[in-house]
């Protein structure tokens, strides 16, 4: 039997994937408004967070969830900063912090008691 937590986790992962792939459409069907401008990358980061939350709950591992979130946000924000051209003053420091966290989380994934 599927646990309620598993059902909730898959629901959040599906919503997160939808936010990453089609943030404006999700905004339209959920909020009644198309997402535009800075709402698009913000919604994608929220989608990444929902995917990581779902994985963490499904796998019962907060470490794996944080690793997925941090690594995916590092890659997405770096891609966004390099391709979009609009960067805030904290974009690259945030990328650096998430990159370091990703490395530390990756190294700690086999530590006894982690996750």
Protein backbone atom coordinates (compact mmCIF):
# COMPACT_ATOMS: atom_id res chain seq x y z
CA UNK A 1 0.00 0.00 0.00
CA UNK A 2 1.26 3.47 -0.86
CA UNK A 3 2.00 5.55 2.20
CA UNK A 4 0.41 9.00 2.40
CA UNK A 5 3.91 10.47 2.60
CA UNK A 6 4.85 8.79 -0.68
CA UNK A 7 1.71 10.13 -2.33
CA UNK A 8 2.44 13.63 -1.07
CA UNK A 9 6.08 13.36 -2.16
CA UNK A 10 5.14 12.35 -5.71
CA UNK A 11 2.59 15.15 -5.86
CA UNK A 12 5.18 17.72 -4.84
CA UNK A 13 7.74 16.33 -7.29
CA UNK A 14 5.17 16.53 -10.11
CA UNK A 15 4.29 20.11 -9.21
CA UNK A 16 7.98 20.99 -8.98
CA UNK A 17 8.69 19.47 -12.38
CA UNK A 18 5.78 21.43 -13.87
CA UNK A 19 7.17 24.65 -12.36
CA UNK A 20 10.61 23.96 -13.82
CA UNK A 21 9.30 23.05 -17.28
CA UNK A 22 6.34 25.44 -17.70
CA UNK A 23 6.29 28.02 -14.89
CA UNK A 24 4.00 30.47 -16.67
CA UNK A 25 1.42 27.77 -17.40
CA UNK A 26 1.46 26.64 -13.77
CA UNK A 27 0.95 30.25 -12.72
CA UNK A 28 -2.01 30.51 -15.08
CA UNK A 29 -3.75 27.35 -13.87
CA UNK A 30 -2.95 27.82 -10.17
CA UNK A 31 -3.17 31.57 -9.75
CA UNK A 32 -5.09 32.69 -12.80
CA UNK A 33 -2.18 34.81 -14.06
CA UNK A 34 0.71 34.10 -16.40
CA UNK A 35 4.08 34.41 -14.72
CA UNK A 36 6.42 36.89 -16.41
CA UNK A 37 9.76 38.59 -15.81
CA UNK A 38 11.56 37.68 -12.60
CA UNK A 39 8.66 35.44 -11.54
CA UNK A 40 9.84 32.83 -14.07
CA UNK A 41 13.27 32.07 -12.53
CA UNK A 42 11.79 32.40 -9.04
CA UNK A 43 9.13 29.82 -9.90
CA UNK A 44 11.79 27.50 -11.34
CA UNK A 45 13.84 27.69 -8.12
CA UNK A 46 10.64 26.95 -6.19
CA UNK A 47 10.07 23.98 -8.51
CA UNK A 48 13.57 22.70 -7.82
CA UNK A 49 12.86 23.03 -4.10
CA UNK A 50 9.62 21.04 -4.43
CA UNK A 51 11.40 18.29 -6.34
CA UNK A 52 14.11 18.10 -3.66
CA UNK A 53 11.49 18.10 -0.89
CA UNK A 54 9.63 15.28 -2.60
CA UNK A 55 12.80 13.23 -3.03
CA UNK A 56 13.80 13.84 0.60
CA UNK A 57 10.41 12.64 1.85
CA UNK A 58 10.19 9.72 -0.57
CA UNK A 59 13.72 8.49 0.18
CA UNK A 60 13.53 9.47 3.87
CA UNK A 61 16.81 11.34 3.46
CA UNK A 62 17.15 15.03 4.19
CA UNK A 63 20.78 14.89 3.01
CA UNK A 64 19.80 13.63 -0.45
CA UNK A 65 17.06 16.27 -0.66
CA UNK A 66 19.44 19.09 0.23
CA UNK A 67 22.10 17.74 -2.14
CA UNK A 68 19.63 17.65 -5.03
CA UNK A 69 18.35 21.13 -4.20
CA UNK A 70 21.76 22.72 -3.78
CA UNK A 71 23.31 21.12 -6.87
CA UNK A 72 20.30 21.85 -9.09
CA UNK A 73 20.06 25.47 -7.90
CA UNK A 74 23.79 25.91 -8.49
CA UNK A 75 23.45 24.70 -12.07
CA UNK A 76 20.21 26.58 -12.81
CA UNK A 77 21.38 29.91 -11.37
CA UNK A 78 24.73 29.65 -13.16
CA UNK A 79 22.95 28.87 -16.44
CA UNK A 80 20.55 31.75 -15.82
CA UNK A 81 23.37 34.17 -15.01
CA UNK A 82 25.35 33.19 -18.10
CA UNK A 83 22.47 33.15 -20.59
CA UNK A 84 19.98 35.78 -19.38
CA UNK A 85 22.41 38.57 -18.69
CA UNK A 86 20.33 40.07 -15.89
CA UNK A 87 22.16 39.47 -12.64
CA UNK A 88 21.58 40.82 -9.19
CA UNK A 89 24.42 41.64 -6.85
CA UNK A 90 23.97 38.38 -4.91
CA UNK A 91 23.50 35.99 -7.85
CA UNK A 92 27.13 34.85 -8.16
CA UNK A 93 27.74 34.73 -4.39
CA UNK A 94 24.60 32.55 -4.09
CA UNK A 95 25.93 30.29 -6.85
CA UNK A 96 29.26 30.01 -5.02
CA UNK A 97 27.59 29.20 -1.68
CA UNK A 98 25.41 26.52 -3.27
CA UNK A 99 28.38 25.06 -5.12
CA UNK A 100 30.36 24.75 -1.87
CA UNK A 101 27.33 23.30 -0.06
CA UNK A 102 26.86 20.79 -2.87
CA UNK A 103 30.45 19.60 -2.55
CA UNK A 104 30.18 19.33 1.24
CA UNK A 105 26.86 17.49 1.03
CA UNK A 106 28.26 15.15 -1.64
CA UNK A 107 31.25 14.36 0.56
CA UNK A 108 29.02 13.81 3.59
CA UNK A 109 26.57 11.46 1.88
CA UNK A 110 28.36 8.36 3.20
CA UNK A 111 28.98 9.66 6.70
CA UNK A 112 27.38 7.40 9.33
CA UNK A 113 24.16 8.98 10.63
CA UNK A 114 23.88 11.43 7.71
CA UNK A 115 20.49 11.89 6.10
